[in-house]
Amino acid sequence: MKPVIQYYAHILRQHSVPVDKVDPELVKDMADFQGRCLGLAAVQLGVLARLIMVRYGDEYLFLANPEIVKASPKATIMREGCLSIGYGREYHPVPRSKRVKVRYMDIEGNQKTVKAEGTTARALQHEIDHLDGKLIFDYEEAMRGR
């Protein structure tokens, strides 16, 4: 199993690049974390590709080039952990939309959309943030007015 990149690593602040096709080896490396987390972004394994994995019901979805196309205006603040910050043992309050609709490409190259609410919506937003170099404590600093 590949190690999860930890913050202060500069790569976690970089923007991931869109993919034309999904690397099966990267999918395999990310799949090793199924059952150990709600989601993972490729950048957390050191790859700047716009690919995330998120638990959706009893399965995990792989979403390439995910984009939130609709988010409920109603947000809730909950404490979140992240495998790249203290190996998931540190928690920070993060406001997230309760529901989202995400457009993405699946691992076969098909364009799809997924709707999610609650914990799954939160996980999708968290992992998409990783693709843009945003981390959970950035929200805490913003809520403090920094």
Protein backbone atom coordinates (compact mmCIF):
# COMPACT_ATOMS: atom_id res chain seq x y z
CA MET A 1 0.00 0.00 0.00
CA LYS A 2 1.31 3.43 -0.96
CA PRO A 3 1.78 5.89 1.90
CA VAL A 4 -0.61 8.83 2.19
CA ILE A 5 1.15 12.18 1.64
CA GLN A 6 1.05 14.29 4.82
CA TYR A 7 0.61 18.02 5.23
CA TYR A 8 3.12 20.14 4.94
CA ALA A 9 3.97 18.47 1.63
CA HIS A 10 3.75 21.15 -1.07
CA ILE A 11 1.93 18.83 -3.49
CA LEU A 12 -1.22 18.97 -1.33
CA ARG A 13 -1.54 22.68 -2.15
CA GLN A 14 -1.23 22.21 -5.91
CA HIS A 15 -4.09 21.97 -8.40
CA SER A 16 -4.55 18.55 -9.95
CA VAL A 17 -4.76 18.28 -13.72
CA PRO A 18 -7.70 16.88 -15.72
CA VAL A 19 -7.34 13.36 -17.09
CA ASP A 20 -8.30 12.05 -20.53
CA LYS A 21 -8.33 8.46 -19.33
CA VAL A 22 -7.99 6.85 -15.93
CA ASP A 23 -4.76 5.03 -15.05
CA PRO A 24 -5.73 1.51 -13.87
CA GLU A 25 -2.63 1.31 -11.66
CA LEU A 26 -3.68 4.50 -9.86
CA VAL A 27 -7.19 3.06 -9.37
CA LYS A 28 -5.61 -0.07 -7.88
CA ASP A 29 -3.44 2.00 -5.51
CA MET A 30 -6.45 4.05 -4.38
CA ALA A 31 -8.65 0.95 -4.02
CA ASP A 32 -6.20 -0.38 -1.41
CA PHE A 33 -7.76 2.21 0.94
CA GLN A 34 -11.34 0.98 0.55
CA GLY A 35 -12.80 0.22 3.96
CA ARG A 36 -10.24 2.47 5.65
CA CYS A 37 -11.72 5.84 4.68
CA LEU A 38 -14.75 7.57 3.19
CA GLY A 39 -12.72 8.95 0.31
CA LEU A 40 -9.31 9.60 -1.16
CA ALA A 41 -7.89 11.91 -3.83
CA ALA A 42 -5.07 10.88 -6.16
CA VAL A 43 -2.97 13.82 -4.93
CA GLN A 44 -2.90 12.19 -1.49
CA LEU A 45 -0.87 9.41 -3.10
CA GLY A 46 1.40 11.92 -4.84
CA VAL A 47 -0.34 12.00 -8.24
CA LEU A 48 -1.67 15.36 -9.52
CA ALA A 49 -4.56 13.78 -11.46
CA ARG A 50 -8.18 14.87 -11.01
CA LEU A 51 -9.32 11.50 -9.70
CA ILE A 52 -11.11 10.77 -6.44
CA MET A 53 -12.58 7.71 -4.77
CA VAL A 54 -15.64 8.10 -2.51
CA ARG A 55 -17.71 5.61 -0.58
CA TYR A 56 -21.24 5.62 -2.02
CA GLY A 57 -23.55 3.29 -0.12
CA ASP A 58 -21.83 -0.10 0.10
CA GLU A 59 -19.50 0.62 -2.85
CA TYR A 60 -16.76 3.03 -3.79
CA LEU A 61 -17.06 5.27 -6.83
CA PHE A 62 -14.08 6.50 -8.82
CA LEU A 63 -14.74 9.96 -10.24
CA ALA A 64 -12.40 11.51 -12.80
CA ASN A 65 -12.57 15.26 -13.38
CA PRO A 66 -15.40 15.66 -10.84
CA GLU A 67 -17.26 18.96 -10.84
CA ILE A 68 -19.99 20.08 -8.49
CA VAL A 69 -22.79 21.28 -10.77
CA LYS A 70 -25.37 21.88 -8.06
CA ALA A 71 -25.14 22.32 -4.30
CA SER A 72 -27.85 23.02 -1.79
CA PRO A 73 -27.59 26.49 -0.28
CA LYS A 74 -28.15 25.00 3.16
CA ALA A 75 -24.87 24.03 4.81
CA THR A 76 -24.02 22.28 8.03
CA ILE A 77 -20.82 22.55 10.03
CA MET A 78 -19.29 19.26 11.16
CA ARG A 79 -15.86 18.21 12.28
CA GLU A 80 -13.90 16.36 9.59
CA GLY A 81 -10.72 14.38 9.56
CA CYS A 82 -8.34 13.83 6.67
CA LEU A 83 -5.82 11.07 6.02
CA SER A 84 -3.31 13.74 4.96
CA ILE A 85 -3.58 15.68 8.22
CA GLY A 86 -2.36 13.74 11.23
CA TYR A 87 -3.20 10.46 9.46
CA GLY A 88 -6.92 11.18 9.99
CA ARG A 89 -6.64 11.71 13.74
CA GLU A 90 -7.06 15.51 13.66
CA TYR A 91 -10.49 17.08 13.27
CA HIS A 92 -11.54 20.54 12.10
CA PRO A 93 -14.99 22.16 11.70
CA VAL A 94 -16.00 22.48 8.05
CA PRO A 95 -19.20 23.93 6.55
CA ARG A 96 -20.52 21.85 3.64
CA SER A 97 -23.65 21.79 1.53
CA LYS A 98 -26.10 19.12 2.61
CA ARG A 99 -26.72 17.94 -0.95
CA VAL A 100 -24.66 18.01 -4.15
CA LYS A 101 -24.87 16.90 -7.74
CA VAL A 102 -21.51 16.03 -9.31
CA ARG A 103 -20.66 15.52 -12.98
CA TYR A 104 -17.69 13.21 -13.65
CA MET A 105 -16.10 10.65 -15.93
CA ASP A 106 -16.09 7.04 -14.72
CA ILE A 107 -13.07 4.75 -15.08
CA GLU A 108 -14.34 3.52 -18.47
CA GLY A 109 -14.51 7.09 -19.81
CA ASN A 110 -18.29 7.55 -19.63
CA GLN A 111 -19.73 10.91 -18.56
CA LYS A 112 -22.03 10.54 -15.55
CA THR A 113 -23.65 12.47 -12.73
CA VAL A 114 -24.27 11.46 -9.16
CA LYS A 115 -26.48 13.01 -6.51
CA ALA A 116 -25.56 12.69 -2.86
CA GLU A 117 -26.58 13.99 0.52
CA GLY A 118 -25.33 13.82 4.09
CA THR A 119 -22.00 12.12 4.68
CA THR A 120 -21.55 11.14 1.03
CA ALA A 121 -22.12 14.75 -0.13
CA ARG A 122 -19.61 15.88 2.49
CA ALA A 123 -17.03 13.31 1.31
CA LEU A 124 -17.45 14.34 -2.34
CA GLN A 125 -16.89 18.00 -1.46
CA HIS A 126 -13.89 17.12 0.73
CA GLU A 127 -12.16 15.10 -2.00
CA ILE A 128 -12.91 17.66 -4.73
CA ASP A 129 -11.32 20.28 -2.45
CA HIS A 130 -8.13 18.19 -2.48
CA LEU A 131 -8.01 18.48 -6.28
CA ASP A 132 -7.89 22.27 -5.87
CA GLY A 133 -5.28 22.30 -3.09
CA LYS A 134 -7.77 23.10 -0.34
CA LEU A 135 -7.56 21.43 3.06
CA ILE A 136 -10.02 21.14 5.95
CA PHE A 137 -8.34 23.64 8.24
CA ASP A 138 -8.61 26.32 5.54
CA TYR A 139 -12.31 26.53 6.43
CA GLU A 140 -11.57 26.99 10.10
CA GLU A 141 -9.25 29.89 9.32
CA ALA A 142 -11.89 31.44 7.04
CA MET A 143 -14.56 31.12 9.74
CA ARG A 144 -12.25 32.98 12.12
CA GLY A 145 -12.00 35.80 9.56
CA ARG A 146 -8.37 35.30 8.54
